[in-house]
């Protein structure tokens, strides 16, 4: 089950997850193969408080980053 937790979306200022090199490689290897069943990789990194009542998400700000051509 998925639940929307924000409504403040802005282009290039996203909630994101930084993948480790081995995670990127695994995603490339699994791309297009619908027969591989593995754990779902979350789109964001979530930090839970010790009492599990609050959480925090990291944001990536690319609004002032130029495009590569």
N, C-alpha and C. Protein backbone atom coordinates (compact mmCIF):
# COMPACT_ATOMS: atom_id res chain seq x y z
N UNK A 1 0.84 -1.18 0.00
CA UNK A 1 0.00 0.00 0.00
C UNK A 1 0.89 1.25 0.00
N UNK A 2 0.54 2.21 -0.83
CA UNK A 2 1.28 3.46 -0.90
C UNK A 2 0.40 4.60 -0.42
N UNK A 3 1.02 5.57 0.25
CA UNK A 3 0.31 6.72 0.77
C UNK A 3 1.07 7.99 0.41
N UNK A 4 0.41 8.94 -0.18
CA UNK A 4 1.05 10.22 -0.49
C UNK A 4 1.31 10.97 0.80
N UNK A 5 2.55 11.41 1.00
CA UNK A 5 2.89 12.11 2.23
C UNK A 5 3.22 13.58 2.01
N UNK A 6 3.33 14.01 0.73
CA UNK A 6 3.62 15.42 0.45
C UNK A 6 2.76 15.91 -0.70
N UNK A 7 2.61 17.21 -0.76
CA UNK A 7 1.92 17.85 -1.89
C UNK A 7 2.73 19.05 -2.38
N UNK A 8 3.99 19.12 -1.97
CA UNK A 8 4.82 20.29 -2.28
C UNK A 8 5.83 20.02 -3.39
N UNK A 9 5.44 19.27 -4.40
CA UNK A 9 6.35 18.93 -5.48
C UNK A 9 6.75 20.14 -6.31
N UNK A 10 8.05 20.24 -6.57
CA UNK A 10 8.62 21.29 -7.40
C UNK A 10 9.64 20.61 -8.31
N UNK A 11 9.62 20.96 -9.62
CA UNK A 11 10.55 20.35 -10.55
C UNK A 11 11.99 20.59 -10.12
N UNK A 12 12.80 19.54 -10.16
CA UNK A 12 14.22 19.54 -9.82
C UNK A 12 14.49 19.81 -8.33
N UNK A 13 13.49 19.68 -7.49
CA UNK A 13 13.66 19.79 -6.04
C UNK A 13 12.88 18.63 -5.46
N UNK A 14 13.49 17.46 -5.56
CA UNK A 14 12.75 16.23 -5.31
C UNK A 14 13.19 15.51 -4.06
N UNK A 15 12.31 14.67 -3.61
CA UNK A 15 12.65 13.71 -2.58
C UNK A 15 13.33 12.59 -3.33
N UNK A 16 14.56 12.29 -2.98
CA UNK A 16 15.33 11.35 -3.77
C UNK A 16 16.16 10.45 -2.88
N UNK A 17 16.71 9.47 -3.51
CA UNK A 17 17.55 8.53 -2.82
C UNK A 17 18.86 8.43 -3.59
N UNK A 18 19.97 8.46 -2.90
CA UNK A 18 21.26 8.31 -3.53
C UNK A 18 21.58 6.82 -3.52
N UNK A 19 21.76 6.26 -4.71
CA UNK A 19 22.06 4.84 -4.81
C UNK A 19 23.56 4.60 -4.73
N UNK A 20 23.93 3.55 -4.04
CA UNK A 20 25.32 3.13 -4.01
C UNK A 20 25.65 2.48 -5.35
N UNK A 21 26.92 2.46 -5.76
CA UNK A 21 27.28 1.89 -7.06
C UNK A 21 26.75 0.47 -7.27
N UNK A 22 26.80 -0.37 -6.24
CA UNK A 22 26.31 -1.74 -6.39
C UNK A 22 24.79 -1.79 -6.55
N UNK A 23 24.08 -0.81 -5.98
CA UNK A 23 22.63 -0.75 -6.16
C UNK A 23 22.29 -0.32 -7.58
N UNK A 24 23.06 0.62 -8.14
CA UNK A 24 22.84 1.05 -9.52
C UNK A 24 23.07 -0.11 -10.47
N UNK A 25 24.12 -0.90 -10.22
CA UNK A 25 24.43 -2.05 -11.06
C UNK A 25 23.31 -3.08 -10.99
N UNK A 26 22.78 -3.31 -9.81
CA UNK A 26 21.69 -4.27 -9.65
C UNK A 26 20.45 -3.82 -10.41
N UNK A 27 20.14 -2.53 -10.37
CA UNK A 27 18.98 -2.01 -11.10
C UNK A 27 19.17 -2.16 -12.60
N UNK A 28 20.39 -1.91 -13.09
CA UNK A 28 20.68 -2.09 -14.52
C UNK A 28 20.52 -3.55 -14.92
N UNK A 29 21.01 -4.46 -14.07
CA UNK A 29 20.93 -5.89 -14.38
C UNK A 29 19.50 -6.38 -14.42
N UNK A 30 18.64 -5.83 -13.57
CA UNK A 30 17.25 -6.29 -13.48
C UNK A 30 16.32 -5.58 -14.45
N UNK A 31 16.79 -4.53 -15.12
CA UNK A 31 15.94 -3.74 -15.98
C UNK A 31 15.40 -4.60 -17.13
N UNK A 32 14.09 -4.59 -17.29
CA UNK A 32 13.46 -5.30 -18.38
C UNK A 32 13.23 -6.77 -18.12
N UNK A 33 13.74 -7.30 -17.02
CA UNK A 33 13.53 -8.71 -16.72
C UNK A 33 12.40 -8.84 -15.71
N UNK A 34 11.23 -9.21 -16.18
CA UNK A 34 10.06 -9.29 -15.31
C UNK A 34 10.01 -10.59 -14.52
N UNK A 35 10.93 -11.53 -14.80
CA UNK A 35 10.92 -12.81 -14.11
C UNK A 35 11.70 -12.77 -12.80
N UNK A 36 12.53 -11.75 -12.61
CA UNK A 36 13.31 -11.65 -11.38
C UNK A 36 12.45 -11.04 -10.28
N UNK A 37 12.26 -11.79 -9.24
CA UNK A 37 11.51 -11.28 -8.10
C UNK A 37 12.48 -11.02 -6.96
N UNK A 38 12.64 -9.78 -6.60
CA UNK A 38 13.55 -9.42 -5.53
C UNK A 38 12.89 -8.38 -4.65
N UNK A 39 13.60 -7.94 -3.63
CA UNK A 39 13.02 -6.92 -2.75
C UNK A 39 12.84 -5.62 -3.49
N UNK A 40 11.78 -4.92 -3.19
CA UNK A 40 11.51 -3.64 -3.83
C UNK A 40 12.44 -2.59 -3.25
N UNK A 41 13.06 -1.81 -4.10
CA UNK A 41 13.96 -0.75 -3.66
C UNK A 41 13.16 0.52 -3.45
N UNK A 42 13.15 1.07 -2.23
CA UNK A 42 12.40 2.30 -1.99
C UNK A 42 12.93 3.45 -2.82
N UNK A 43 12.05 4.34 -3.22
CA UNK A 43 12.43 5.50 -4.03
C UNK A 43 13.14 6.56 -3.19
N UNK A 44 12.93 6.54 -1.90
CA UNK A 44 13.54 7.53 -1.02
C UNK A 44 14.13 6.83 0.20
N UNK A 45 15.05 7.52 0.85
CA UNK A 45 15.60 7.03 2.10
C UNK A 45 14.79 7.65 3.24
N UNK A 46 14.30 6.83 4.11
CA UNK A 46 13.47 7.30 5.23
C UNK A 46 14.23 7.08 6.53
N UNK A 47 14.29 8.11 7.35
CA UNK A 47 14.92 8.02 8.67
C UNK A 47 13.80 8.09 9.72
N UNK A 48 13.66 7.03 10.49
CA UNK A 48 12.61 6.97 11.52
C UNK A 48 13.18 7.41 12.86
N UNK A 49 12.35 8.07 13.66
CA UNK A 49 12.75 8.42 15.02
C UNK A 49 12.77 7.15 15.87
N UNK A 50 13.45 7.21 16.99
CA UNK A 50 13.57 6.03 17.85
C UNK A 50 12.21 5.54 18.35
N UNK A 51 11.27 6.45 18.56
CA UNK A 51 9.95 6.03 19.04
C UNK A 51 8.99 5.71 17.89
N UNK A 52 9.46 5.79 16.65
CA UNK A 52 8.68 5.47 15.44
C UNK A 52 7.45 6.35 15.26
N UNK A 53 7.45 7.53 15.84
CA UNK A 53 6.32 8.44 15.69
C UNK A 53 6.56 9.49 14.61
N UNK A 54 7.81 9.69 14.24
CA UNK A 54 8.16 10.70 13.24
C UNK A 54 9.17 10.12 12.26
N UNK A 55 9.22 10.72 11.09
CA UNK A 55 10.22 10.32 10.11
C UNK A 55 10.70 11.54 9.35
N UNK A 56 11.83 11.38 8.69
CA UNK A 56 12.41 12.45 7.89
C UNK A 56 12.83 11.88 6.54
N UNK A 57 12.69 12.71 5.50
CA UNK A 57 13.12 12.35 4.16
C UNK A 57 14.18 13.34 3.71
N UNK A 58 15.07 12.89 2.86
CA UNK A 58 16.08 13.77 2.30
C UNK A 58 15.58 14.34 0.99
N UNK A 59 15.94 15.59 0.72
CA UNK A 59 15.58 16.23 -0.55
C UNK A 59 16.84 16.55 -1.33
N UNK A 60 16.73 16.48 -2.64
CA UNK A 60 17.83 16.81 -3.53
C UNK A 60 17.43 18.04 -4.34
N UNK A 61 18.24 19.09 -4.23
CA UNK A 61 17.92 20.35 -4.89
C UNK A 61 18.79 20.53 -6.13
N UNK A 62 18.20 20.35 -7.30
CA UNK A 62 18.91 20.52 -8.57
C UNK A 62 18.34 21.68 -9.38
N UNK A 63 17.71 22.63 -8.70
CA UNK A 63 17.07 23.73 -9.42
C UNK A 63 18.07 24.66 -10.10
N UNK A 64 19.27 24.80 -9.56
CA UNK A 64 20.26 25.70 -10.16
C UNK A 64 21.37 24.94 -10.88
N UNK A 65 21.13 23.68 -11.18
CA UNK A 65 22.12 22.87 -11.90
C UNK A 65 21.80 22.93 -13.38
N UNK A 66 22.79 23.27 -14.19
CA UNK A 66 22.59 23.37 -15.64
C UNK A 66 22.44 21.99 -16.29
N UNK A 67 21.85 21.98 -17.48
CA UNK A 67 21.69 20.75 -18.24
C UNK A 67 22.99 20.39 -18.94
N UNK A 68 23.26 19.10 -19.04
CA UNK A 68 24.40 18.60 -19.82
C UNK A 68 23.93 18.30 -21.22
N UNK A 69 24.72 18.68 -22.20
CA UNK A 69 24.36 18.40 -23.60
C UNK A 69 25.36 17.50 -24.21
